[in-house]
Amino acid sequence: MKIFYVDSAKYEIEKNILKSFLKDRKFASIEKEIQHCYGRFLLEKVAKEVFKIENTEIEIINKKPRFKFSDIHFSISHSENIILIAFDKNPVGVDIEIMKERNFKELFARYNYKGGNISKELFYKFWTEYEAGIKLQGTPNTKINFPLLETFMVTVVGNFDENYEIFELTKDGFK
């Protein structure tokens, strides 16, 4: 599995290129619109440059996006200025969340959590796993959780080998 991300605060894309990914969609906020456009930009760039997919047309099957002309699966998530995509030969779900301070005891009570050690990291592992599972639309055999850039939690679920690589899109390419 390969995971790619871009920091929209560091990697600037021309507005006309970003707008080309809108396709008459409406968003609740400018922030969500920008995240969507960066996600589609990153998806297309990785598909073409890394996986050599010439036609990156996307179709929606059961509310899950997929490439129409490739067997490579992907899942997109974003939080704040980080846009992240997981790619694999099998279906995959991914979620990323910035780890903010919250009332974790109250949040866990909503989900009838019975464990004792309530922490920020535990909550975000739980929450990103929950969200990634919804995106997968199936029962995962594998899950990985890891912090990214010290302030984000990432979870990927699916049926994949636990080995993964992470790449950041920078002005100098993928690192």
N, C-alpha and C. Protein backbone atom coordinates (compact mmCIF):
# COMPACT_ATOMS: atom_id res chain seq x y z
N MET A 1 0.84 -1.17 0.00
CA MET A 1 0.00 0.00 0.00
C MET A 1 0.89 1.24 0.00
N LYS A 2 0.40 2.24 -0.69
CA LYS A 2 1.13 3.51 -0.74
C LYS A 2 0.19 4.63 -0.29
N ILE A 3 0.73 5.53 0.51
CA ILE A 3 -0.03 6.66 1.03
C ILE A 3 0.68 7.93 0.60
N PHE A 4 -0.10 8.86 0.07
CA PHE A 4 0.44 10.13 -0.40
C PHE A 4 -0.32 11.26 0.29
N TYR A 5 0.41 12.34 0.60
CA TYR A 5 -0.27 13.50 1.16
C TYR A 5 0.38 14.78 0.66
N VAL A 6 -0.40 15.85 0.77
CA VAL A 6 0.09 17.17 0.41
C VAL A 6 -0.40 18.15 1.47
N ASP A 7 0.44 19.10 1.79
CA ASP A 7 0.10 20.17 2.72
C ASP A 7 -0.25 21.39 1.87
N SER A 8 -1.54 21.74 1.84
CA SER A 8 -1.98 22.84 0.99
C SER A 8 -1.45 24.19 1.45
N ALA A 9 -0.96 24.28 2.67
CA ALA A 9 -0.35 25.52 3.15
C ALA A 9 1.06 25.70 2.59
N LYS A 10 1.69 24.59 2.17
CA LYS A 10 3.05 24.65 1.64
C LYS A 10 3.12 24.47 0.12
N TYR A 11 2.17 23.76 -0.44
CA TYR A 11 2.20 23.42 -1.87
C TYR A 11 1.08 24.19 -2.56
N GLU A 12 1.47 25.23 -3.26
CA GLU A 12 0.47 26.09 -3.90
C GLU A 12 0.19 25.63 -5.33
N ILE A 13 -1.09 25.56 -5.66
CA ILE A 13 -1.53 25.18 -7.00
C ILE A 13 -2.26 26.37 -7.60
N GLU A 14 -2.02 26.63 -8.88
CA GLU A 14 -2.69 27.75 -9.55
C GLU A 14 -4.21 27.60 -9.44
N LYS A 15 -4.89 28.71 -9.20
CA LYS A 15 -6.35 28.68 -9.00
C LYS A 15 -7.10 28.09 -10.19
N ASN A 16 -6.64 28.37 -11.41
CA ASN A 16 -7.37 27.83 -12.58
C ASN A 16 -7.23 26.31 -12.66
N ILE A 17 -6.11 25.77 -12.18
CA ILE A 17 -5.95 24.31 -12.14
C ILE A 17 -6.86 23.72 -11.07
N LEU A 18 -6.89 24.34 -9.90
CA LEU A 18 -7.78 23.86 -8.84
C LEU A 18 -9.24 23.89 -9.29
N LYS A 19 -9.64 24.98 -9.91
CA LYS A 19 -11.04 25.11 -10.34
C LYS A 19 -11.43 24.07 -11.39
N SER A 20 -10.46 23.55 -12.12
CA SER A 20 -10.77 22.54 -13.13
C SER A 20 -11.28 21.24 -12.50
N PHE A 21 -11.07 21.07 -11.19
CA PHE A 21 -11.53 19.86 -10.50
C PHE A 21 -12.90 20.03 -9.85
N LEU A 22 -13.53 21.19 -9.99
CA LEU A 22 -14.82 21.44 -9.35
C LEU A 22 -15.99 20.74 -10.05
N LYS A 23 -16.04 20.81 -11.37
CA LYS A 23 -17.10 20.17 -12.16
C LYS A 23 -18.50 20.49 -11.63
N ASP A 24 -18.79 21.76 -11.44
CA ASP A 24 -20.12 22.25 -11.03
C ASP A 24 -20.58 21.74 -9.67
N ARG A 25 -19.66 21.39 -8.81
CA ARG A 25 -20.04 20.96 -7.46
C ARG A 25 -20.14 22.17 -6.55
N LYS A 26 -21.00 22.09 -5.57
CA LYS A 26 -21.17 23.15 -4.57
C LYS A 26 -20.71 22.63 -3.22
N PHE A 27 -20.05 23.49 -2.45
CA PHE A 27 -19.51 23.10 -1.16
C PHE A 27 -20.01 24.05 -0.08
N ALA A 28 -20.03 23.56 1.15
CA ALA A 28 -20.51 24.34 2.28
C ALA A 28 -19.57 25.50 2.62
N SER A 29 -18.30 25.38 2.26
CA SER A 29 -17.34 26.43 2.58
C SER A 29 -16.22 26.43 1.55
N ILE A 30 -15.51 27.53 1.49
CA ILE A 30 -14.34 27.64 0.61
C ILE A 30 -13.29 26.62 1.03
N GLU A 31 -13.12 26.41 2.35
CA GLU A 31 -12.14 25.44 2.85
C GLU A 31 -12.42 24.04 2.29
N LYS A 32 -13.69 23.61 2.32
CA LYS A 32 -14.05 22.28 1.80
C LYS A 32 -13.83 22.22 0.28
N GLU A 33 -14.11 23.30 -0.40
CA GLU A 33 -13.89 23.35 -1.85
C GLU A 33 -12.40 23.18 -2.17
N ILE A 34 -11.56 23.89 -1.44
CA ILE A 34 -10.11 23.80 -1.65
C ILE A 34 -9.61 22.39 -1.34
N GLN A 35 -10.08 21.80 -0.22
CA GLN A 35 -9.67 20.45 0.12
C GLN A 35 -10.06 19.46 -0.97
N HIS A 36 -11.27 19.60 -1.50
CA HIS A 36 -11.73 18.71 -2.58
C HIS A 36 -10.83 18.85 -3.81
N CYS A 37 -10.55 20.08 -4.19
CA CYS A 37 -9.73 20.31 -5.38
C CYS A 37 -8.31 19.77 -5.20
N TYR A 38 -7.72 20.00 -4.04
CA TYR A 38 -6.38 19.45 -3.76
C TYR A 38 -6.42 17.93 -3.79
N GLY A 39 -7.48 17.35 -3.26
CA GLY A 39 -7.61 15.89 -3.27
C GLY A 39 -7.65 15.35 -4.68
N ARG A 40 -8.44 15.98 -5.55
CA ARG A 40 -8.52 15.52 -6.95
C ARG A 40 -7.21 15.76 -7.70
N PHE A 41 -6.56 16.88 -7.39
CA PHE A 41 -5.26 17.16 -8.00
C PHE A 41 -4.24 16.08 -7.61
N LEU A 42 -4.15 15.79 -6.31
CA LEU A 42 -3.21 14.78 -5.82
C LEU A 42 -3.56 13.40 -6.39
N LEU A 43 -4.84 13.07 -6.43
CA LEU A 43 -5.27 11.78 -6.97
C LEU A 43 -4.82 11.62 -8.42
N GLU A 44 -5.06 12.63 -9.22
CA GLU A 44 -4.68 12.56 -10.64
C GLU A 44 -3.16 12.50 -10.81
N LYS A 45 -2.45 13.30 -10.04
CA LYS A 45 -0.99 13.34 -10.15
C LYS A 45 -0.38 11.98 -9.79
N VAL A 46 -0.81 11.39 -8.69
CA VAL A 46 -0.29 10.09 -8.27
C VAL A 46 -0.69 9.01 -9.27
N ALA A 47 -1.96 9.03 -9.69
CA ALA A 47 -2.44 8.01 -10.64
C ALA A 47 -1.60 8.01 -11.91
N LYS A 48 -1.34 9.18 -12.43
CA LYS A 48 -0.60 9.28 -13.69
C LYS A 48 0.89 9.05 -13.52
N GLU A 49 1.50 9.67 -12.52
CA GLU A 49 2.95 9.61 -12.37
C GLU A 49 3.47 8.35 -11.67
N VAL A 50 2.72 7.84 -10.72
CA VAL A 50 3.19 6.69 -9.95
C VAL A 50 2.62 5.38 -10.50
N PHE A 51 1.30 5.36 -10.73
CA PHE A 51 0.65 4.12 -11.16
C PHE A 51 0.47 4.03 -12.68
N LYS A 52 0.88 5.07 -13.40
CA LYS A 52 0.83 5.09 -14.87
C LYS A 52 -0.57 4.85 -15.42
N ILE A 53 -1.57 5.41 -14.74
CA ILE A 53 -2.96 5.33 -15.19
C ILE A 53 -3.19 6.51 -16.12
N GLU A 54 -3.41 6.24 -17.39
CA GLU A 54 -3.59 7.32 -18.36
C GLU A 54 -4.95 7.99 -18.23
N ASN A 55 -6.00 7.20 -18.15
CA ASN A 55 -7.35 7.73 -18.04
C ASN A 55 -7.78 7.66 -16.58
N THR A 56 -7.83 8.82 -15.91
CA THR A 56 -8.13 8.86 -14.48
C THR A 56 -9.61 9.14 -14.21
N GLU A 57 -10.46 8.83 -15.18
CA GLU A 57 -11.89 9.03 -14.98
C GLU A 57 -12.36 8.23 -13.77
N ILE A 58 -13.22 8.85 -12.98
CA ILE A 58 -13.72 8.24 -11.76
C ILE A 58 -15.20 7.91 -11.93
N GLU A 59 -15.59 6.75 -11.42
CA GLU A 59 -17.00 6.39 -11.37
C GLU A 59 -17.35 6.15 -9.90
N ILE A 60 -18.62 6.29 -9.58
CA ILE A 60 -19.08 6.07 -8.21
C ILE A 60 -19.92 4.79 -8.21
N ILE A 61 -19.49 3.83 -7.40
CA ILE A 61 -20.23 2.58 -7.26
C ILE A 61 -20.56 2.42 -5.78
N ASN A 62 -21.85 2.35 -5.46
CA ASN A 62 -22.31 2.26 -4.06
C ASN A 62 -21.75 3.40 -3.22
N LYS A 63 -21.74 4.60 -3.78
CA LYS A 63 -21.27 5.82 -3.11
C LYS A 63 -19.77 5.83 -2.86
N LYS A 64 -19.02 4.89 -3.47
CA LYS A 64 -17.57 4.84 -3.29
C LYS A 64 -16.90 5.15 -4.63
N PRO A 65 -16.03 6.17 -4.66
CA PRO A 65 -15.34 6.48 -5.91
C PRO A 65 -14.27 5.44 -6.25
N ARG A 66 -14.09 5.23 -7.55
CA ARG A 66 -13.03 4.32 -8.02
C ARG A 66 -12.65 4.72 -9.44
N PHE A 67 -11.46 4.32 -9.84
CA PHE A 67 -11.05 4.58 -11.21
C PHE A 67 -11.88 3.69 -12.14
N LYS A 68 -12.36 4.27 -13.22
CA LYS A 68 -13.18 3.53 -14.17
C LYS A 68 -12.34 2.55 -14.98
N PHE A 69 -11.06 2.88 -15.23
CA PHE A 69 -10.24 2.08 -16.13
C PHE A 69 -8.98 1.52 -15.45
N SER A 70 -9.06 1.24 -14.15
CA SER A 70 -7.90 0.68 -13.44
C SER A 70 -8.38 -0.16 -12.27
N ASP A 71 -7.56 -1.12 -11.89
CA ASP A 71 -7.87 -1.96 -10.73
C ASP A 71 -7.26 -1.42 -9.44
N ILE A 72 -6.59 -0.27 -9.50
CA ILE A 72 -6.03 0.35 -8.31
C ILE A 72 -7.17 1.01 -7.54
N HIS A 73 -7.23 0.74 -6.23
CA HIS A 73 -8.26 1.33 -5.36
C HIS A 73 -7.64 2.48 -4.58
N PHE A 74 -8.49 3.42 -4.17
CA PHE A 74 -8.01 4.57 -3.40
C PHE A 74 -9.08 5.03 -2.42
N SER A 75 -8.63 5.80 -1.44
CA SER A 75 -9.52 6.45 -0.50
C SER A 75 -8.88 7.78 -0.13
N ILE A 76 -9.70 8.82 -0.09
CA ILE A 76 -9.21 10.19 0.16
C ILE A 76 -9.75 10.68 1.50
N SER A 77 -8.91 11.42 2.22
CA SER A 77 -9.34 12.08 3.44
C SER A 77 -8.58 13.40 3.58
N HIS A 78 -9.16 14.32 4.32
CA HIS A 78 -8.47 15.58 4.58
C HIS A 78 -8.88 16.13 5.93
N SER A 79 -7.94 16.85 6.51
CA SER A 79 -8.18 17.52 7.78
C SER A 79 -7.28 18.75 7.80
N GLU A 80 -7.90 19.88 8.11
CA GLU A 80 -7.17 21.15 8.08
C GLU A 80 -6.51 21.32 6.70
N ASN A 81 -5.20 21.45 6.66
CA ASN A 81 -4.50 21.70 5.40
C ASN A 81 -3.84 20.43 4.82
N ILE A 82 -4.07 19.28 5.42
CA ILE A 82 -3.48 18.04 4.92
C ILE A 82 -4.50 17.23 4.14
N ILE A 83 -4.15 16.88 2.92
CA ILE A 83 -4.97 16.04 2.06
C ILE A 83 -4.18 14.75 1.87
N LEU A 84 -4.83 13.60 2.12
CA LEU A 84 -4.14 12.32 2.15
C LEU A 84 -4.92 11.29 1.35
N ILE A 85 -4.21 10.45 0.60
CA ILE A 85 -4.86 9.40 -0.19
C ILE A 85 -4.09 8.10 0.00
N ALA A 86 -4.83 7.01 0.27
CA ALA A 86 -4.25 5.68 0.34
C ALA A 86 -4.59 4.95 -0.95
N PHE A 87 -3.62 4.24 -1.51
CA PHE A 87 -3.79 3.46 -2.75
C PHE A 87 -3.40 2.01 -2.47
N ASP A 88 -4.16 1.08 -3.02
CA ASP A 88 -3.83 -0.33 -2.88
C ASP A 88 -4.50 -1.12 -3.99
N LYS A 89 -4.06 -2.37 -4.16
CA LYS A 89 -4.67 -3.25 -5.16
C LYS A 89 -6.02 -3.77 -4.67
N ASN A 90 -6.30 -3.64 -3.37
CA ASN A 90 -7.58 -4.03 -2.77
C ASN A 90 -8.31 -2.80 -2.26
N PRO A 91 -9.64 -2.89 -2.09
CA PRO A 91 -10.37 -1.75 -1.53
C PRO A 91 -9.80 -1.32 -0.19
N VAL A 92 -9.82 -0.02 0.05
CA VAL A 92 -9.20 0.57 1.22
C VAL A 92 -10.04 1.76 1.68
N GLY A 93 -10.01 2.02 2.98
CA GLY A 93 -10.64 3.20 3.55
C GLY A 93 -9.62 3.92 4.40
N VAL A 94 -9.60 5.26 4.33
CA VAL A 94 -8.62 6.03 5.10
C VAL A 94 -9.31 7.23 5.74
N ASP A 95 -8.81 7.61 6.91
CA ASP A 95 -9.27 8.84 7.54
C ASP A 95 -8.10 9.49 8.24
N ILE A 96 -8.09 10.82 8.22
CA ILE A 96 -7.10 11.63 8.92
C ILE A 96 -7.84 12.70 9.71
N GLU A 97 -7.40 12.93 10.91
CA GLU A 97 -7.98 13.97 11.76
C GLU A 97 -6.89 14.69 12.51
N ILE A 98 -7.03 16.01 12.63
CA ILE A 98 -6.12 16.76 13.49
C ILE A 98 -6.50 16.45 14.93
N MET A 99 -5.51 16.22 15.77
CA MET A 99 -5.76 15.83 17.16
C MET A 99 -5.88 17.08 18.04
N LYS A 100 -7.10 17.58 18.15
CA LYS A 100 -7.39 18.75 18.97
C LYS A 100 -7.78 18.30 20.37
N GLU A 101 -7.64 19.20 21.30
CA GLU A 101 -8.12 18.93 22.67
C GLU A 101 -9.65 18.99 22.66
N ARG A 102 -10.26 18.04 23.32
CA ARG A 102 -11.72 17.97 23.44
C ARG A 102 -12.03 17.33 24.79
N ASN A 103 -13.31 17.24 25.11
CA ASN A 103 -13.72 16.53 26.31
C ASN A 103 -13.84 15.05 25.92
N PHE A 104 -12.73 14.32 26.02
CA PHE A 104 -12.68 12.94 25.55
C PHE A 104 -13.55 12.01 26.39
N LYS A 105 -13.64 12.29 27.67
CA LYS A 105 -14.48 11.46 28.54
C LYS A 105 -15.94 11.52 28.08
N GLU A 106 -16.41 12.71 27.77
CA GLU A 106 -17.78 12.90 27.30
C GLU A 106 -17.99 12.24 25.93
N LEU A 107 -17.02 12.40 25.05
CA LEU A 107 -17.13 11.79 23.72
C LEU A 107 -17.18 10.27 23.80
N PHE A 108 -16.32 9.68 24.62
CA PHE A 108 -16.32 8.23 24.77
C PHE A 108 -17.64 7.74 25.39
N ALA A 109 -18.21 8.53 26.29
CA ALA A 109 -19.48 8.14 26.92
C ALA A 109 -20.58 7.99 25.86
N ARG A 110 -20.57 8.83 24.83
CA ARG A 110 -21.57 8.72 23.75
C ARG A 110 -21.50 7.38 23.03
N TYR A 111 -20.30 6.79 23.02
CA TYR A 111 -20.10 5.52 22.30
C TYR A 111 -20.04 4.34 23.27
N ASN A 112 -20.49 4.56 24.52
CA ASN A 112 -20.53 3.51 25.53
C ASN A 112 -19.18 2.83 25.72
N TYR A 113 -18.12 3.60 25.65
CA TYR A 113 -16.77 3.08 25.84
C TYR A 113 -16.60 2.65 27.29
N LYS A 114 -16.15 1.41 27.49
CA LYS A 114 -16.02 0.87 28.85
C LYS A 114 -14.56 0.77 29.31
N GLY A 115 -13.61 1.12 28.46
CA GLY A 115 -12.20 1.04 28.83
C GLY A 115 -11.84 2.11 29.85
N GLY A 116 -10.70 1.97 30.46
CA GLY A 116 -10.31 2.90 31.51
C GLY A 116 -9.44 4.06 31.04
N ASN A 117 -8.47 3.79 30.21
CA ASN A 117 -7.48 4.79 29.84
C ASN A 117 -8.01 5.67 28.69
N ILE A 118 -8.61 6.78 29.03
CA ILE A 118 -9.15 7.69 28.03
C ILE A 118 -8.08 8.74 27.73
N SER A 119 -7.69 8.83 26.45
CA SER A 119 -6.66 9.80 26.06
C SER A 119 -6.99 10.37 24.68
N LYS A 120 -6.33 11.45 24.37
CA LYS A 120 -6.51 12.07 23.06
C LYS A 120 -6.14 11.10 21.95
N GLU A 121 -4.99 10.44 22.06
CA GLU A 121 -4.54 9.52 21.03
C GLU A 121 -5.51 8.35 20.86
N LEU A 122 -5.98 7.81 21.96
CA LEU A 122 -6.94 6.70 21.90
C LEU A 122 -8.22 7.13 21.20
N PHE A 123 -8.72 8.32 21.54
CA PHE A 123 -9.95 8.80 20.90
C PHE A 123 -9.75 8.94 19.39
N TYR A 124 -8.66 9.55 18.96
CA TYR A 124 -8.46 9.76 17.53
C TYR A 124 -8.19 8.46 16.78
N LYS A 125 -7.56 7.49 17.42
CA LYS A 125 -7.44 6.17 16.80
C LYS A 125 -8.83 5.58 16.60
N PHE A 126 -9.67 5.65 17.64
CA PHE A 126 -11.03 5.14 17.57
C PHE A 126 -11.82 5.85 16.47
N TRP A 127 -11.76 7.18 16.46
CA TRP A 127 -12.57 7.96 15.53
C TRP A 127 -12.12 7.75 14.07
N THR A 128 -10.82 7.78 13.82
CA THR A 128 -10.36 7.61 12.44
C THR A 128 -10.61 6.18 11.96
N GLU A 129 -10.53 5.22 12.85
CA GLU A 129 -10.85 3.83 12.46
C GLU A 129 -12.33 3.72 12.08
N TYR A 130 -13.18 4.35 12.86
CA TYR A 130 -14.62 4.36 12.58
C TYR A 130 -14.89 4.97 11.20
N GLU A 131 -14.33 6.13 10.94
CA GLU A 131 -14.55 6.83 9.67
C GLU A 131 -13.95 6.06 8.48
N ALA A 132 -12.75 5.51 8.66
CA ALA A 132 -12.12 4.73 7.59
C ALA A 132 -12.96 3.50 7.26
N GLY A 133 -13.55 2.88 8.28
CA GLY A 133 -14.41 1.72 8.07
C GLY A 133 -15.63 2.05 7.24
N ILE A 134 -16.21 3.22 7.46
CA ILE A 134 -17.35 3.65 6.65
C ILE A 134 -16.93 3.79 5.19
N LYS A 135 -15.76 4.37 4.96
CA LYS A 135 -15.27 4.55 3.59
C LYS A 135 -14.93 3.22 2.92
N LEU A 136 -14.47 2.25 3.68
CA LEU A 136 -14.14 0.94 3.11
C LEU A 136 -15.39 0.23 2.61
N GLN A 137 -16.49 0.36 3.33
CA GLN A 137 -17.74 -0.33 3.01
C GLN A 137 -17.59 -1.85 3.04
N GLY A 138 -16.87 -2.33 3.99
CA GLY A 138 -16.68 -3.77 4.13
C GLY A 138 -15.99 -4.07 5.44
N THR A 139 -15.69 -5.34 5.65
CA THR A 139 -15.02 -5.76 6.87
C THR A 139 -13.52 -5.86 6.61
N PRO A 140 -12.73 -5.08 7.33
CA PRO A 140 -11.29 -5.12 7.09
C PRO A 140 -10.61 -6.29 7.80
N ASN A 141 -9.57 -6.81 7.17
CA ASN A 141 -8.70 -7.79 7.82
C ASN A 141 -7.51 -7.09 8.45
N THR A 142 -7.21 -5.88 7.97
CA THR A 142 -6.02 -5.17 8.41
C THR A 142 -6.37 -3.73 8.73
N LYS A 143 -5.72 -3.19 9.75
CA LYS A 143 -5.82 -1.75 10.03
C LYS A 143 -4.48 -1.27 10.52
N ILE A 144 -4.17 -0.06 10.14
CA ILE A 144 -2.96 0.58 10.66
C ILE A 144 -3.35 1.97 11.16
N ASN A 145 -2.78 2.35 12.29
CA ASN A 145 -2.96 3.69 12.85
C ASN A 145 -1.58 4.27 13.03
N PHE A 146 -1.44 5.53 12.70
CA PHE A 146 -0.16 6.19 12.97
C PHE A 146 -0.35 7.70 13.02
N PRO A 147 0.47 8.36 13.84
CA PRO A 147 0.44 9.82 13.85
C PRO A 147 1.20 10.34 12.63
N LEU A 148 0.75 11.45 12.10
CA LEU A 148 1.41 12.10 10.97
C LEU A 148 1.70 13.54 11.38
N LEU A 149 2.92 13.97 11.18
CA LEU A 149 3.35 15.34 11.47
C LEU A 149 3.03 15.74 12.91
N GLU A 150 3.03 14.80 13.82
CA GLU A 150 2.84 14.98 15.25
C GLU A 150 1.45 15.44 15.67
N THR A 151 0.66 16.05 14.78
CA THR A 151 -0.64 16.58 15.20
C THR A 151 -1.83 15.90 14.52
N PHE A 152 -1.59 14.95 13.63
CA PHE A 152 -2.68 14.27 12.93
C PHE A 152 -2.64 12.78 13.25
N MET A 153 -3.81 12.16 13.29
CA MET A 153 -3.91 10.70 13.41
C MET A 153 -4.47 10.19 12.09
N VAL A 154 -3.86 9.10 11.60
CA VAL A 154 -4.30 8.47 10.36
C VAL A 154 -4.63 7.01 10.65
N THR A 155 -5.73 6.54 10.08
CA THR A 155 -6.06 5.12 10.10
C THR A 155 -6.40 4.68 8.69
N VAL A 156 -5.85 3.53 8.30
CA VAL A 156 -6.17 2.90 7.02
C VAL A 156 -6.69 1.51 7.33
N VAL A 157 -7.82 1.15 6.73
CA VAL A 157 -8.40 -0.18 6.92
C VAL A 157 -8.63 -0.82 5.56
N GLY A 158 -8.58 -2.14 5.53
CA GLY A 158 -8.81 -2.87 4.29
C GLY A 158 -8.28 -4.28 4.38
N ASN A 159 -7.97 -4.83 3.26
CA ASN A 159 -7.42 -6.19 3.17
C ASN A 159 -6.09 -6.09 2.44
N PHE A 160 -5.07 -5.66 3.15
CA PHE A 160 -3.78 -5.38 2.54
C PHE A 160 -2.67 -5.89 3.45
N ASP A 161 -1.50 -5.96 2.88
CA ASP A 161 -0.29 -6.28 3.63
C ASP A 161 -0.02 -5.09 4.55
N GLU A 162 0.44 -5.33 5.75
CA GLU A 162 0.66 -4.24 6.69
C GLU A 162 1.82 -3.33 6.31
N ASN A 163 2.61 -3.69 5.33
CA ASN A 163 3.70 -2.82 4.89
C ASN A 163 3.12 -1.66 4.08
N TYR A 164 3.60 -0.48 4.35
CA TYR A 164 3.14 0.68 3.61
C TYR A 164 4.26 1.69 3.50
N GLU A 165 4.12 2.55 2.51
CA GLU A 165 5.07 3.65 2.31
C GLU A 165 4.28 4.95 2.30
N ILE A 166 4.88 6.00 2.83
CA ILE A 166 4.25 7.32 2.86
C ILE A 166 5.10 8.30 2.08
N PHE A 167 4.45 9.08 1.24
CA PHE A 167 5.14 10.07 0.42
C PHE A 167 4.43 11.41 0.55
N GLU A 168 5.21 12.47 0.67
CA GLU A 168 4.65 13.83 0.67
C GLU A 168 4.92 14.45 -0.70
N LEU A 169 3.92 15.14 -1.23
CA LEU A 169 4.10 15.89 -2.46
C LEU A 169 4.68 17.26 -2.07
N THR A 170 5.89 17.53 -2.55
CA THR A 170 6.54 18.81 -2.30
C THR A 170 6.82 19.47 -3.65
N LYS A 171 7.34 20.65 -3.62
CA LYS A 171 7.70 21.34 -4.87
C LYS A 171 8.77 20.58 -5.65
N ASP A 172 9.52 19.73 -4.97
CA ASP A 172 10.55 18.92 -5.61
C ASP A 172 10.08 17.53 -6.01
N GLY A 173 8.79 17.28 -5.89
CA GLY A 173 8.22 15.97 -6.23
C GLY A 173 7.81 15.20 -4.99
N PHE A 174 7.71 13.89 -5.12
CA PHE A 174 7.30 13.03 -4.00
C PHE A 174 8.52 12.66 -3.17
N LYS A 175 8.40 12.85 -1.86
CA LYS A 175 9.50 12.52 -0.94
C LYS A 175 9.00 11.61 0.16
